[in-house]
Amino acid sequence: MGREAHSNEGGGGRREGESRHVPVMLQRCLDLLAPALERPGAVVVDCTLGLGGHSEALLTRFPEARLIGLDRDKEALRLSGERLAPFGERATLVHAVYDELPEVLRRLGLARVQGVLFDLGVSSMQLDEADRGFAYAQDAPLDMRMDQTTGISAAEVLNTYPAGELVRILRAYGEEKQAKRIVAAIVREREKEPFSNSARLVELIRDALPQAAKRTGGNPAKRTFQALRIEVNGELSVLERAIPAAVKALDVGGRVAVLSYHSLEDRLVKQVFAAGAASTAPPGLPVVPERYQPRLKLLTRGAELPTEEEVAENRRAAPARLRGAERIREDAE
């Protein structure tokens, strides 16, 4: 996955060149990572390569840095490969999900890296390619897989999951208060005919919701589409493994920056960073031994938000939340 001009929404509909090549909070990400990447021989991992916008900016601003770019989407790797070709051997692109970071670094013979960037969510490319099924604003096959070579599609989830499991997914991943109502309608409809396209699902959600629920929070299908996408791509379980792995891969003095697009992602990132920045000493020790000292220093106060100017330039930046941390000591043995 990975992204510029980018969103957790499935609104879609932007055309090539409009908002597609504007990486979210780019300047702030570069500034956060700069102290770690200005060292000679620094290696930075872009865990969510997407169309290569953040990576291109990293390679340009830090001319001595080497970049490893990961993405599970083969089309994204092809397009970003063309974009990053001028940087030659400074950029290494790998088809991988970002929780595979430790394995990728092992294969490349890298013990530690100096910077890691995550830009989570769905890329504009995926939203704008109608046949991917991420967008609720246009009819498309209900696919939603970021890597179309593996895994089950959103249609299979809708057509085969038990009702209770669908309710759980909509509540947990979409924070959808009307989950039971929507799932009852899905189960009723799938018995008549299996789901295959997004327009039918959008219409069903509209019909299932009470009037009051339709008046708030944008497109009523947004939360269901988000929930399905997270389930199909295992996004939260991948992230749960990936953020600690990224922290572990950092050299002392190395930095990690994470852009999240909804509260579930942001909460996970916050928890990992907060745990790393806390002392693990038993209470009451007069002097805290080295092994209990915090491993991380937080670089952002809470989550930083995009500026009004950024949101005006790129509406998909609106939900973004940025957190950064620096590795300040080794793990206790």
Protein backbone atom coordinates (compact mmCIF):
# COMPACT_ATOMS: atom_id res chain seq x y z
CA MET A 1 0.00 0.00 0.00
CA GLY A 2 1.17 3.45 -0.09
CA ARG A 3 0.39 6.71 -1.15
CA GLU A 4 0.35 10.12 -2.26
CA ALA A 5 -2.57 12.44 -2.43
CA HIS A 6 -4.29 10.07 -0.40
CA SER A 7 -7.13 9.12 1.68
CA ASN A 8 -9.02 6.69 3.73
CA GLU A 9 -12.06 7.57 1.77
CA GLY A 10 -13.34 5.81 -1.28
CA GLY A 11 -14.72 8.91 -2.95
CA GLY A 12 -12.48 8.50 -5.97
CA GLY A 13 -13.15 10.39 -9.11
CA ARG A 14 -10.01 12.55 -9.33
CA ARG A 15 -8.27 12.33 -12.65
CA GLU A 16 -4.60 11.81 -13.45
CA GLY A 17 -2.54 14.85 -12.51
CA GLU A 18 -5.14 16.66 -10.41
CA SER A 19 -4.32 15.72 -6.82
CA ARG A 20 -2.54 12.52 -7.60
CA HIS A 21 1.07 13.62 -7.29
CA VAL A 22 0.88 15.63 -4.07
CA PRO A 23 2.41 13.60 -1.24
CA VAL A 24 0.67 14.29 2.06
CA MET A 25 2.50 16.49 4.65
CA LEU A 26 5.65 16.08 2.59
CA GLN A 27 7.72 18.93 4.00
CA ARG A 28 6.97 17.97 7.59
CA CYS A 29 7.92 14.32 6.95
CA LEU A 30 11.24 15.39 5.40
CA ASP A 31 12.00 17.75 8.30
CA LEU A 32 11.19 15.06 10.89
CA LEU A 33 13.52 12.54 9.24
CA ALA A 34 16.27 15.02 8.29
CA PRO A 35 18.57 14.76 11.36
CA ALA A 36 18.84 11.00 10.81
CA LEU A 37 19.16 11.08 7.01
CA GLU A 38 21.77 13.81 6.70
CA ARG A 39 24.44 11.37 7.89
CA PRO A 40 26.65 9.91 5.13
CA GLY A 41 25.54 6.43 4.10
CA ALA A 42 22.07 6.75 5.66
CA VAL A 43 19.43 4.22 4.59
CA VAL A 44 15.73 5.12 4.63
CA VAL A 45 12.84 2.71 4.10
CA ASP A 46 9.63 3.98 2.50
CA CYS A 47 7.29 1.22 3.69
CA THR A 48 4.39 2.45 1.54
CA LEU A 49 5.98 3.40 -1.76
CA GLY A 50 2.81 4.08 -3.76
CA LEU A 51 3.57 6.32 -6.71
CA GLY A 52 6.96 7.25 -5.27
CA GLY A 53 6.27 10.88 -4.32
CA HIS A 54 7.68 10.73 -0.80
CA SER A 55 10.59 8.57 -2.02
CA GLU A 56 11.49 10.96 -4.83
CA ALA A 57 11.55 13.85 -2.34
CA LEU A 58 13.68 11.85 0.14
CA LEU A 59 16.26 10.94 -2.53
CA THR A 60 16.36 14.54 -3.78
CA ARG A 61 16.71 16.20 -0.39
CA PHE A 62 19.23 13.69 1.01
CA PRO A 63 21.63 13.12 -1.91
CA GLU A 64 23.84 10.68 0.04
CA ALA A 65 20.97 8.52 1.30
CA ARG A 66 19.97 5.13 -0.07
CA LEU A 67 16.28 4.25 -0.26
CA ILE A 68 14.47 0.92 0.11
CA GLY A 69 10.88 1.16 -1.15
CA LEU A 70 8.23 -1.46 -0.29
CA ASP A 71 4.78 -1.94 -1.79
CA ARG A 72 2.40 -4.88 -2.07
CA ASP A 73 0.85 -3.40 -5.25
CA LYS A 74 2.77 -4.46 -8.37
CA GLU A 75 1.31 -1.66 -10.47
CA ALA A 76 2.51 0.90 -7.90
CA LEU A 77 6.00 -0.63 -8.04
CA ARG A 78 6.04 -0.39 -11.84
CA LEU A 79 4.97 3.27 -11.87
CA SER A 80 7.24 4.35 -9.01
CA GLY A 81 10.11 2.43 -10.64
CA GLU A 82 9.78 4.66 -13.71
CA ARG A 83 9.64 7.76 -11.52
CA LEU A 84 12.70 6.81 -9.45
CA ALA A 85 14.78 5.47 -12.36
CA PRO A 86 16.93 8.68 -12.50
CA PHE A 87 18.28 7.83 -9.02
CA GLY A 88 19.75 4.56 -10.29
CA GLU A 89 21.13 2.20 -7.65
CA ARG A 90 20.26 4.58 -4.79
CA ALA A 91 16.69 3.21 -4.92
CA THR A 92 15.88 -0.47 -4.31
CA LEU A 93 12.20 -1.36 -4.80
CA VAL A 94 10.76 -4.54 -3.29
CA HIS A 95 7.38 -6.27 -3.71
CA ALA A 96 6.48 -6.81 -0.05
CA VAL A 97 3.94 -5.95 2.63
CA TYR A 98 5.46 -3.63 5.21
CA ASP A 99 5.34 -6.12 8.09
CA GLU A 100 7.91 -8.06 6.03
CA LEU A 101 10.43 -5.27 6.73
CA PRO A 102 12.78 -7.42 8.89
CA GLU A 103 12.94 -10.13 6.19
CA VAL A 104 13.56 -7.55 3.42
CA LEU A 105 16.42 -5.94 5.39
CA ARG A 106 17.91 -9.38 6.10
CA ARG A 107 17.86 -10.25 2.38
CA LEU A 108 19.56 -6.95 1.56
CA GLY A 109 22.22 -7.52 4.23
CA LEU A 110 21.20 -4.48 6.30
CA ALA A 111 21.38 -4.79 10.08
CA ARG A 112 19.93 -1.32 10.82
CA VAL A 113 18.47 1.67 8.99
CA GLN A 114 18.43 5.38 9.82
CA GLY A 115 14.91 6.29 8.74
CA VAL A 116 11.50 4.68 8.18
CA LEU A 117 8.41 6.31 6.67
CA PHE A 118 4.86 4.92 6.63
CA ASP A 119 2.06 6.60 4.71
CA LEU A 120 -0.94 4.38 5.42
CA GLY A 121 -4.32 4.03 3.72
CA VAL A 122 -5.30 3.78 0.07
CA SER A 123 -3.31 5.49 -2.65
CA SER A 124 -4.91 7.83 -5.14
CA MET A 125 -3.90 5.43 -7.85
CA GLN A 126 -6.00 2.70 -6.24
CA LEU A 127 -8.94 5.04 -5.68
CA ASP A 128 -8.76 6.41 -9.21
CA GLU A 129 -8.45 3.07 -11.02
CA ALA A 130 -12.14 2.30 -11.31
CA ASP A 131 -11.69 -1.47 -11.60
CA ARG A 132 -10.03 -1.81 -8.18
CA GLY A 133 -13.32 -1.35 -6.29
CA PHE A 134 -11.99 0.94 -3.53
CA ALA A 135 -14.19 3.90 -4.43
CA TYR A 136 -17.84 4.15 -3.46
CA ALA A 137 -18.44 7.07 -5.84
CA GLN A 138 -18.18 4.92 -8.97
CA ASP A 139 -19.44 1.45 -9.81
CA ALA A 140 -16.70 -1.18 -9.91
CA PRO A 141 -16.06 -4.82 -9.06
CA LEU A 142 -15.84 -5.23 -5.26
CA ASP A 143 -12.16 -6.21 -5.12
CA MET A 144 -10.23 -3.87 -2.75
CA ARG A 145 -7.09 -6.04 -2.64
CA MET A 146 -3.96 -3.90 -2.64
CA ASP A 147 -2.07 -6.88 -4.04
CA GLN A 148 -4.38 -8.34 -6.67
CA THR A 149 -2.30 -11.51 -6.93
CA THR A 150 -3.29 -12.85 -3.52
CA GLY A 151 -5.99 -13.03 -0.87
CA ILE A 152 -9.77 -12.75 -0.95
CA SER A 153 -11.78 -9.90 -2.44
CA ALA A 154 -14.33 -7.66 -0.72
CA ALA A 155 -17.08 -9.47 -2.67
CA GLU A 156 -15.99 -12.81 -1.17
CA VAL A 157 -16.05 -11.28 2.32
CA LEU A 158 -19.59 -9.96 1.78
CA ASN A 159 -20.86 -13.18 0.24
CA THR A 160 -19.29 -15.76 2.56
CA TYR A 161 -18.68 -14.32 6.04
CA PRO A 162 -21.25 -15.19 8.74
CA ALA A 163 -23.49 -12.28 9.77
CA GLY A 164 -21.88 -12.00 13.23
CA GLU A 165 -18.41 -11.69 11.73
CA LEU A 166 -19.57 -8.98 9.29
CA VAL A 167 -21.12 -7.02 12.19
CA ARG A 168 -17.83 -7.28 14.10
CA ILE A 169 -15.81 -6.02 11.11
CA LEU A 170 -18.11 -3.06 10.43
CA ARG A 171 -18.07 -2.06 14.09
CA ALA A 172 -14.36 -2.60 14.74
CA TYR A 173 -12.88 -1.34 11.47
CA GLY A 174 -15.52 1.10 10.26
CA GLU A 175 -16.78 2.32 13.64
CA GLU A 176 -20.23 1.89 12.05
CA LYS A 177 -23.03 2.33 14.60
CA GLN A 178 -25.61 0.86 12.21
CA ALA A 179 -23.61 -2.33 11.56
CA LYS A 180 -26.45 -4.72 12.52
CA ARG A 181 -28.94 -2.99 10.24
CA ILE A 182 -26.52 -2.94 7.28
CA VAL A 183 -25.49 -6.59 7.76
CA ALA A 184 -29.11 -7.75 7.99
CA ALA A 185 -29.71 -6.13 4.58
CA ILE A 186 -26.51 -7.65 3.14
CA VAL A 187 -27.44 -11.16 4.28
CA ARG A 188 -30.95 -10.79 2.90
CA GLU A 189 -29.69 -9.55 -0.48
CA ARG A 190 -26.81 -11.99 -0.92
CA GLU A 191 -29.26 -14.90 -0.66
CA LYS A 192 -31.06 -13.52 -3.72
CA GLU A 193 -27.86 -12.82 -5.64
CA PRO A 194 -24.19 -12.66 -4.56
CA PHE A 195 -22.55 -9.23 -4.43
CA SER A 196 -20.12 -8.38 -7.21
CA ASN A 197 -20.17 -4.58 -7.73
CA SER A 198 -19.86 -1.53 -5.49
CA ALA A 199 -22.95 0.40 -6.69
CA ARG A 200 -25.34 -2.26 -5.40
CA LEU A 201 -23.66 -2.20 -1.98
CA VAL A 202 -23.76 1.62 -1.81
CA GLU A 203 -27.48 1.60 -2.66
CA LEU A 204 -28.20 -1.10 -0.08
CA ILE A 205 -26.42 0.90 2.65
CA ARG A 206 -28.37 4.04 1.76
CA ASP A 207 -31.65 2.13 1.95
CA ALA A 208 -30.73 0.36 5.21
CA LEU A 209 -29.82 3.47 7.22
CA PRO A 210 -32.32 5.58 9.14
CA GLN A 211 -32.74 9.16 7.86
CA ALA A 212 -30.82 10.71 10.78
CA ALA A 213 -27.75 8.54 10.10
CA LYS A 214 -27.70 9.66 6.45
CA ARG A 215 -27.46 13.32 7.38
CA THR A 216 -24.05 13.14 9.08
CA GLY A 217 -20.49 12.32 8.10
CA GLY A 218 -20.40 12.38 4.31
CA ASN A 219 -21.23 9.38 2.15
CA PRO A 220 -23.09 6.79 4.27
CA ALA A 221 -21.11 3.98 2.58
CA LYS A 222 -17.74 5.38 3.67
CA ARG A 223 -17.43 3.46 6.95
CA THR A 224 -18.49 0.13 5.45
CA PHE A 225 -16.01 0.48 2.56
CA GLN A 226 -13.23 1.35 5.02
CA ALA A 227 -14.07 -1.70 7.15
CA LEU A 228 -14.08 -4.05 4.14
CA ARG A 229 -10.79 -2.68 2.87
CA ILE A 230 -9.08 -3.14 6.25
CA GLU A 231 -10.39 -6.71 6.49
CA VAL A 232 -9.44 -7.66 2.91
CA ASN A 233 -5.87 -6.37 3.31
CA GLY A 234 -5.40 -7.32 6.97
CA GLU A 235 -4.29 -3.73 7.50
CA LEU A 236 -4.47 -3.45 11.28
CA SER A 237 -2.85 -6.82 12.01
CA VAL A 238 -0.09 -5.96 9.49
CA LEU A 239 0.39 -2.56 11.15
CA GLU A 240 0.50 -4.16 14.63
CA ARG A 241 3.52 -6.17 13.50
CA ALA A 242 5.08 -3.50 11.29
CA ILE A 243 5.44 -0.53 13.67
CA PRO A 244 7.38 -2.45 16.38
CA ALA A 245 9.49 -4.06 13.61
CA ALA A 246 10.32 -0.62 12.21
CA VAL A 247 11.34 0.69 15.64
CA LYS A 248 13.53 -2.39 16.15
CA ALA A 249 15.21 -1.85 12.75
CA LEU A 250 16.26 1.71 13.64
CA ASP A 251 19.81 2.60 14.51
CA VAL A 252 20.27 4.72 17.63
CA GLY A 253 19.58 8.25 16.38
CA GLY A 254 17.34 6.81 13.63
CA ARG A 255 13.85 8.21 13.12
CA VAL A 256 10.41 6.90 12.12
CA ALA A 257 7.50 8.95 10.78
CA VAL A 258 3.96 7.55 10.37
CA LEU A 259 1.02 9.14 8.55
CA SER A 260 -2.33 7.60 9.57
CA TYR A 261 -5.76 8.30 8.11
CA HIS A 262 -8.18 7.03 10.72
CA SER A 263 -8.33 6.72 14.49
CA LEU A 264 -7.72 2.94 14.54
CA GLU A 265 -4.35 3.27 12.79
CA ASP A 266 -3.37 6.35 14.78
CA ARG A 267 -4.21 4.67 18.10
CA LEU A 268 -2.00 1.70 17.25
CA VAL A 269 0.95 3.92 16.33
CA LYS A 270 0.44 6.04 19.45
CA GLN A 271 0.49 2.94 21.69
CA VAL A 272 3.75 1.59 20.24
CA PHE A 273 5.49 4.97 20.42
CA ALA A 274 4.20 5.67 23.95
CA ALA A 275 5.40 2.26 25.18
CA GLY A 276 8.84 2.87 23.65
CA ALA A 277 9.07 6.33 25.22
CA ALA A 278 8.17 5.11 28.73
CA SER A 279 10.50 3.82 31.44
CA THR A 280 9.94 0.14 32.23
CA ALA A 281 11.50 0.42 35.70
CA PRO A 282 9.65 -0.96 38.72
CA PRO A 283 8.25 1.93 40.78
CA GLY A 284 10.35 3.39 43.58
CA LEU A 285 13.88 2.80 42.25
CA PRO A 286 16.13 5.69 43.38
CA VAL A 287 18.22 5.38 40.19
CA VAL A 288 16.78 3.88 37.01
CA PRO A 289 19.22 1.37 35.46
CA GLU A 290 20.04 1.69 31.75
CA ARG A 291 18.01 -1.37 30.78
CA TYR A 292 14.78 0.26 32.00
CA GLN A 293 15.34 3.60 30.27
CA PRO A 294 13.02 4.66 27.40
CA ARG A 295 14.05 3.46 23.92
CA LEU A 296 12.26 6.22 22.03
CA LYS A 297 11.90 9.99 22.15
CA LEU A 298 8.62 11.34 20.77
CA LEU A 299 9.14 13.97 18.05
CA THR A 300 5.54 15.16 17.76
CA ARG A 301 3.24 16.46 20.47
CA GLY A 302 0.31 14.14 19.98
CA ALA A 303 -0.55 13.73 16.31
CA GLU A 304 0.24 16.63 13.97
CA LEU A 305 -2.43 17.65 11.45
CA PRO A 306 -2.08 19.01 7.91
CA THR A 307 -2.31 22.78 7.49
CA GLU A 308 -5.40 24.44 6.02
CA GLU A 309 -3.33 25.26 2.91
CA GLU A 310 -2.41 21.60 2.45
CA VAL A 311 -6.01 20.47 2.75
CA ALA A 312 -7.10 23.18 0.28
CA GLU A 313 -4.46 21.96 -2.19
CA ASN A 314 -5.16 18.26 -1.63
CA ARG A 315 -8.51 17.31 -0.10
CA ARG A 316 -7.30 13.77 0.55
CA ALA A 317 -4.83 15.09 3.14
CA ALA A 318 -7.69 16.18 5.42
CA PRO A 319 -7.84 13.10 7.71
CA ALA A 320 -4.03 12.71 7.96
CA ARG A 321 -2.36 12.41 11.39
CA LEU A 322 1.45 12.44 11.65
CA ARG A 323 3.53 10.99 14.50
CA GLY A 324 7.31 10.73 14.73
CA ALA A 325 9.80 9.12 17.10
CA GLU A 326 13.58 8.82 17.44
CA ARG A 327 15.47 5.77 18.66
CA ILE A 328 17.59 6.99 21.59
CA ARG A 329 19.06 3.74 22.94
CA GLU A 330 19.40 0.04 22.24
CA ASP A 331 16.93 -2.53 23.54
CA ALA A 332 17.82 -4.12 26.86
CA GLU A 333 19.38 -7.50 26.31
